[in-house]
Amino acid sequence: MPQKHELTGSMGVTAGRLSIYAVGMSTGIFLAISFVLCVGFGLIFPSMTMYQAWVPLLPGFVWISLSGFVIGLAEAFAYGWFIAIVFVPLFNYFSQRAAK
């Protein structure tokens, strides 16, 4: 029987622990896919692009060049990992405290 990795507190609150790897890959790929979809939308509807918002958020991003696309894609993925590295330890800490 597989073991569950959970902590149960006296009040019945279950504290699940998140994996930095799972959250990092999930959010990184989610943001990378979102970036690709936004670029595709901007190519289909040039008057409705969002590249003006991306320029200050994605250093090195240039609309639209192959190098700019690759840099933007890599940075979107990296932002997902940044979220995971900050969020997961905070979540695990407060989840564990809430279960006590």
N, C-alpha and C. Protein backbone atom coordinates (compact mmCIF):
# COMPACT_ATOMS: atom_id res chain seq x y z
N MET A 1 0.85 -1.17 0.00
CA MET A 1 0.00 0.00 0.00
C MET A 1 0.90 1.24 0.00
N PRO A 2 0.68 2.20 -0.92
CA PRO A 2 1.51 3.39 -0.97
C PRO A 2 1.29 4.26 0.27
N GLN A 3 2.37 4.93 0.68
CA GLN A 3 2.28 5.82 1.82
C GLN A 3 1.87 7.21 1.36
N LYS A 4 1.07 7.88 2.19
CA LYS A 4 0.72 9.26 1.92
C LYS A 4 1.71 10.16 2.65
N HIS A 5 2.11 11.21 2.01
CA HIS A 5 3.03 12.17 2.61
C HIS A 5 2.21 13.36 3.10
N GLU A 6 1.51 13.16 4.19
CA GLU A 6 0.66 14.21 4.73
C GLU A 6 0.88 14.30 6.23
N LEU A 7 0.64 15.45 6.77
CA LEU A 7 0.65 15.66 8.20
C LEU A 7 -0.77 16.02 8.62
N THR A 8 -1.28 15.38 9.65
CA THR A 8 -2.62 15.69 10.11
C THR A 8 -2.53 16.31 11.50
N GLY A 9 -3.09 17.49 11.64
CA GLY A 9 -3.07 18.19 12.92
C GLY A 9 -4.21 17.76 13.81
N SER A 10 -4.21 18.30 15.04
CA SER A 10 -5.22 17.94 16.03
C SER A 10 -6.61 18.40 15.64
N MET A 11 -6.71 19.38 14.76
CA MET A 11 -8.01 19.89 14.35
C MET A 11 -8.49 19.24 13.06
N GLY A 12 -7.80 18.20 12.61
CA GLY A 12 -8.22 17.51 11.41
C GLY A 12 -7.76 18.18 10.12
N VAL A 13 -6.94 19.22 10.23
CA VAL A 13 -6.44 19.91 9.05
C VAL A 13 -5.29 19.09 8.48
N THR A 14 -5.35 18.80 7.20
CA THR A 14 -4.29 18.03 6.56
C THR A 14 -3.33 18.98 5.87
N ALA A 15 -2.05 18.79 6.15
CA ALA A 15 -1.02 19.63 5.55
C ALA A 15 -0.32 18.83 4.46
N GLY A 16 -0.63 19.12 3.21
CA GLY A 16 0.06 18.48 2.10
C GLY A 16 1.34 19.23 1.81
N ARG A 17 2.33 18.52 1.33
CA ARG A 17 3.60 19.15 0.99
C ARG A 17 3.72 19.18 -0.53
N LEU A 18 4.08 20.33 -1.03
CA LEU A 18 4.26 20.50 -2.46
C LEU A 18 5.71 20.22 -2.83
N SER A 19 5.90 19.76 -4.03
CA SER A 19 7.23 19.51 -4.58
C SER A 19 7.65 20.72 -5.42
N ILE A 20 8.84 21.25 -5.13
CA ILE A 20 9.33 22.38 -5.93
C ILE A 20 9.46 21.97 -7.39
N TYR A 21 9.93 20.75 -7.64
CA TYR A 21 10.10 20.28 -9.02
C TYR A 21 8.75 20.24 -9.75
N ALA A 22 7.73 19.66 -9.11
CA ALA A 22 6.42 19.54 -9.76
C ALA A 22 5.80 20.91 -10.02
N VAL A 23 5.87 21.79 -9.04
CA VAL A 23 5.30 23.12 -9.21
C VAL A 23 6.12 23.93 -10.21
N GLY A 24 7.45 23.80 -10.14
CA GLY A 24 8.31 24.53 -11.09
C GLY A 24 8.07 24.13 -12.53
N MET A 25 8.00 22.83 -12.78
CA MET A 25 7.74 22.37 -14.14
C MET A 25 6.33 22.77 -14.59
N SER A 26 5.36 22.62 -13.70
CA SER A 26 3.98 22.95 -14.06
C SER A 26 3.82 24.43 -14.39
N THR A 27 4.30 25.29 -13.51
CA THR A 27 4.14 26.73 -13.77
C THR A 27 5.03 27.20 -14.90
N GLY A 28 6.24 26.62 -15.01
CA GLY A 28 7.13 27.00 -16.10
C GLY A 28 6.54 26.66 -17.46
N ILE A 29 6.03 25.45 -17.58
CA ILE A 29 5.42 25.04 -18.86
C ILE A 29 4.13 25.79 -19.11
N PHE A 30 3.34 26.03 -18.06
CA PHE A 30 2.11 26.82 -18.22
C PHE A 30 2.42 28.21 -18.76
N LEU A 31 3.42 28.89 -18.18
CA LEU A 31 3.77 30.23 -18.65
C LEU A 31 4.40 30.20 -20.05
N ALA A 32 5.17 29.17 -20.35
CA ALA A 32 5.76 29.04 -21.69
C ALA A 32 4.66 28.83 -22.74
N ILE A 33 3.69 27.97 -22.43
CA ILE A 33 2.57 27.75 -23.36
C ILE A 33 1.77 29.03 -23.52
N SER A 34 1.53 29.73 -22.42
CA SER A 34 0.79 31.00 -22.49
C SER A 34 1.53 32.01 -23.36
N PHE A 35 2.85 32.06 -23.23
CA PHE A 35 3.66 32.97 -24.05
C PHE A 35 3.53 32.63 -25.52
N VAL A 36 3.64 31.35 -25.87
CA VAL A 36 3.51 30.92 -27.26
C VAL A 36 2.13 31.27 -27.81
N LEU A 37 1.09 31.04 -27.02
CA LEU A 37 -0.27 31.37 -27.46
C LEU A 37 -0.44 32.87 -27.66
N CYS A 38 0.14 33.66 -26.76
CA CYS A 38 0.05 35.12 -26.90
C CYS A 38 0.80 35.61 -28.13
N VAL A 39 1.97 35.04 -28.40
CA VAL A 39 2.71 35.42 -29.60
C VAL A 39 1.90 35.04 -30.85
N GLY A 40 1.35 33.82 -30.86
CA GLY A 40 0.52 33.40 -31.99
C GLY A 40 -0.68 34.31 -32.18
N PHE A 41 -1.33 34.67 -31.08
CA PHE A 41 -2.47 35.60 -31.15
C PHE A 41 -2.03 36.95 -31.71
N GLY A 42 -0.85 37.41 -31.27
CA GLY A 42 -0.33 38.68 -31.77
C GLY A 42 0.01 38.65 -33.25
N LEU A 43 0.43 37.49 -33.75
CA LEU A 43 0.72 37.37 -35.18
C LEU A 43 -0.56 37.33 -36.00
N ILE A 44 -1.60 36.70 -35.44
CA ILE A 44 -2.88 36.62 -36.15
C ILE A 44 -3.62 37.95 -36.12
N PHE A 45 -3.55 38.63 -34.97
CA PHE A 45 -4.24 39.91 -34.77
C PHE A 45 -3.21 40.97 -34.38
N PRO A 46 -2.48 41.53 -35.36
CA PRO A 46 -1.38 42.45 -35.06
C PRO A 46 -1.80 43.72 -34.31
N SER A 47 -3.04 44.12 -34.42
CA SER A 47 -3.46 45.34 -33.72
C SER A 47 -3.76 45.08 -32.25
N MET A 48 -3.72 43.82 -31.83
CA MET A 48 -4.07 43.48 -30.45
C MET A 48 -2.91 42.80 -29.71
N THR A 49 -1.69 43.11 -30.07
CA THR A 49 -0.54 42.46 -29.45
C THR A 49 -0.31 42.98 -28.04
N MET A 50 0.39 42.16 -27.26
CA MET A 50 0.72 42.53 -25.88
C MET A 50 2.22 42.75 -25.70
N TYR A 51 2.95 42.85 -26.79
CA TYR A 51 4.40 42.90 -26.65
C TYR A 51 4.86 44.13 -25.88
N GLN A 52 4.08 45.22 -25.88
CA GLN A 52 4.47 46.40 -25.12
C GLN A 52 4.53 46.09 -23.62
N ALA A 53 3.69 45.20 -23.14
CA ALA A 53 3.71 44.79 -21.73
C ALA A 53 4.86 43.83 -21.46
N TRP A 54 5.27 43.05 -22.44
CA TRP A 54 6.32 42.06 -22.23
C TRP A 54 7.71 42.68 -22.17
N VAL A 55 7.92 43.76 -22.91
CA VAL A 55 9.27 44.34 -23.03
C VAL A 55 9.88 44.64 -21.66
N PRO A 56 9.17 45.29 -20.73
CA PRO A 56 9.81 45.52 -19.42
C PRO A 56 9.89 44.26 -18.55
N LEU A 57 9.07 43.26 -18.81
CA LEU A 57 9.06 42.04 -18.00
C LEU A 57 10.03 40.98 -18.50
N LEU A 58 10.35 41.02 -19.78
CA LEU A 58 11.20 39.99 -20.38
C LEU A 58 12.44 40.66 -21.01
N PRO A 59 13.50 40.85 -20.22
CA PRO A 59 14.70 41.51 -20.76
C PRO A 59 15.24 40.79 -22.00
N GLY A 60 15.52 41.54 -23.02
CA GLY A 60 16.05 40.98 -24.25
C GLY A 60 14.98 40.59 -25.26
N PHE A 61 13.71 40.66 -24.85
CA PHE A 61 12.62 40.31 -25.76
C PHE A 61 12.44 41.41 -26.79
N VAL A 62 12.37 41.00 -28.05
CA VAL A 62 12.14 41.93 -29.17
C VAL A 62 11.00 41.36 -30.00
N TRP A 63 10.04 42.20 -30.36
CA TRP A 63 8.91 41.76 -31.19
C TRP A 63 9.28 41.92 -32.63
N ILE A 64 9.09 41.04 -33.48
CA ILE A 64 9.11 39.63 -33.38
C ILE A 64 10.34 39.18 -34.14
N SER A 65 11.20 38.53 -33.43
CA SER A 65 12.40 37.94 -34.03
C SER A 65 12.56 36.56 -33.42
N LEU A 66 13.29 35.72 -34.08
CA LEU A 66 13.51 34.37 -33.57
C LEU A 66 14.24 34.41 -32.24
N SER A 67 15.28 35.24 -32.14
CA SER A 67 16.01 35.32 -30.88
C SER A 67 15.14 35.91 -29.77
N GLY A 68 14.32 36.90 -30.10
CA GLY A 68 13.40 37.48 -29.12
C GLY A 68 12.38 36.46 -28.64
N PHE A 69 11.89 35.63 -29.56
CA PHE A 69 10.93 34.59 -29.19
C PHE A 69 11.56 33.57 -28.26
N VAL A 70 12.78 33.13 -28.59
CA VAL A 70 13.46 32.13 -27.76
C VAL A 70 13.78 32.70 -26.38
N ILE A 71 14.24 33.93 -26.33
CA ILE A 71 14.53 34.58 -25.04
C ILE A 71 13.24 34.72 -24.22
N GLY A 72 12.17 35.18 -24.85
CA GLY A 72 10.90 35.31 -24.15
C GLY A 72 10.38 33.99 -23.64
N LEU A 73 10.52 32.95 -24.43
CA LEU A 73 10.07 31.61 -24.04
C LEU A 73 10.88 31.10 -22.84
N ALA A 74 12.19 31.27 -22.90
CA ALA A 74 13.05 30.84 -21.79
C ALA A 74 12.76 31.63 -20.53
N GLU A 75 12.54 32.93 -20.67
CA GLU A 75 12.27 33.75 -19.50
C GLU A 75 10.89 33.46 -18.91
N ALA A 76 9.91 33.17 -19.74
CA ALA A 76 8.59 32.78 -19.24
C ALA A 76 8.71 31.49 -18.42
N PHE A 77 9.46 30.52 -18.93
CA PHE A 77 9.68 29.28 -18.21
C PHE A 77 10.42 29.54 -16.89
N ALA A 78 11.41 30.42 -16.94
CA ALA A 78 12.18 30.75 -15.73
C ALA A 78 11.30 31.44 -14.69
N TYR A 79 10.37 32.28 -15.12
CA TYR A 79 9.44 32.91 -14.18
C TYR A 79 8.61 31.86 -13.46
N GLY A 80 8.24 30.80 -14.15
CA GLY A 80 7.51 29.71 -13.51
C GLY A 80 8.33 29.07 -12.41
N TRP A 81 9.61 28.87 -12.66
CA TRP A 81 10.49 28.30 -11.64
C TRP A 81 10.69 29.28 -10.49
N PHE A 82 10.78 30.56 -10.79
CA PHE A 82 10.90 31.56 -9.73
C PHE A 82 9.69 31.50 -8.81
N ILE A 83 8.50 31.40 -9.39
CA ILE A 83 7.28 31.28 -8.59
C ILE A 83 7.36 30.05 -7.69
N ALA A 84 7.77 28.93 -8.25
CA ALA A 84 7.86 27.68 -7.47
C ALA A 84 8.87 27.80 -6.35
N ILE A 85 10.03 28.38 -6.62
CA ILE A 85 11.08 28.47 -5.62
C ILE A 85 10.66 29.36 -4.45
N VAL A 86 9.86 30.37 -4.72
CA VAL A 86 9.39 31.25 -3.65
C VAL A 86 8.12 30.68 -3.00
N PHE A 87 7.18 30.22 -3.80
CA PHE A 87 5.87 29.82 -3.29
C PHE A 87 5.89 28.50 -2.51
N VAL A 88 6.56 27.49 -3.03
CA VAL A 88 6.49 26.15 -2.42
C VAL A 88 7.00 26.12 -0.98
N PRO A 89 8.18 26.67 -0.69
CA PRO A 89 8.60 26.66 0.71
C PRO A 89 7.64 27.43 1.62
N LEU A 90 7.12 28.55 1.13
CA LEU A 90 6.15 29.30 1.93
C LEU A 90 4.89 28.47 2.17
N PHE A 91 4.38 27.85 1.13
CA PHE A 91 3.18 27.02 1.26
C PHE A 91 3.44 25.87 2.24
N ASN A 92 4.54 25.17 2.07
CA ASN A 92 4.84 24.03 2.94
C ASN A 92 4.99 24.47 4.39
N TYR A 93 5.62 25.61 4.62
CA TYR A 93 5.81 26.11 5.98
C TYR A 93 4.46 26.43 6.63
N PHE A 94 3.64 27.22 5.95
CA PHE A 94 2.37 27.62 6.53
C PHE A 94 1.38 26.48 6.58
N SER A 95 1.46 25.56 5.66
CA SER A 95 0.60 24.39 5.69
C SER A 95 0.93 23.52 6.89
N GLN A 96 2.21 23.35 7.17
CA GLN A 96 2.64 22.57 8.33
C GLN A 96 2.22 23.25 9.63
N ARG A 97 2.35 24.56 9.68
CA ARG A 97 1.93 25.30 10.89
C ARG A 97 0.44 25.21 11.10
N ALA A 98 -0.34 25.26 10.04
CA ALA A 98 -1.80 25.20 10.16
C ALA A 98 -2.25 23.83 10.65
N ALA A 99 -1.48 22.80 10.35
CA ALA A 99 -1.85 21.44 10.74
C ALA A 99 -1.55 21.15 12.20
N LYS A 100 -0.73 21.99 12.83
CA LYS A 100 -0.36 21.76 14.24
C LYS A 100 -1.45 22.21 15.18
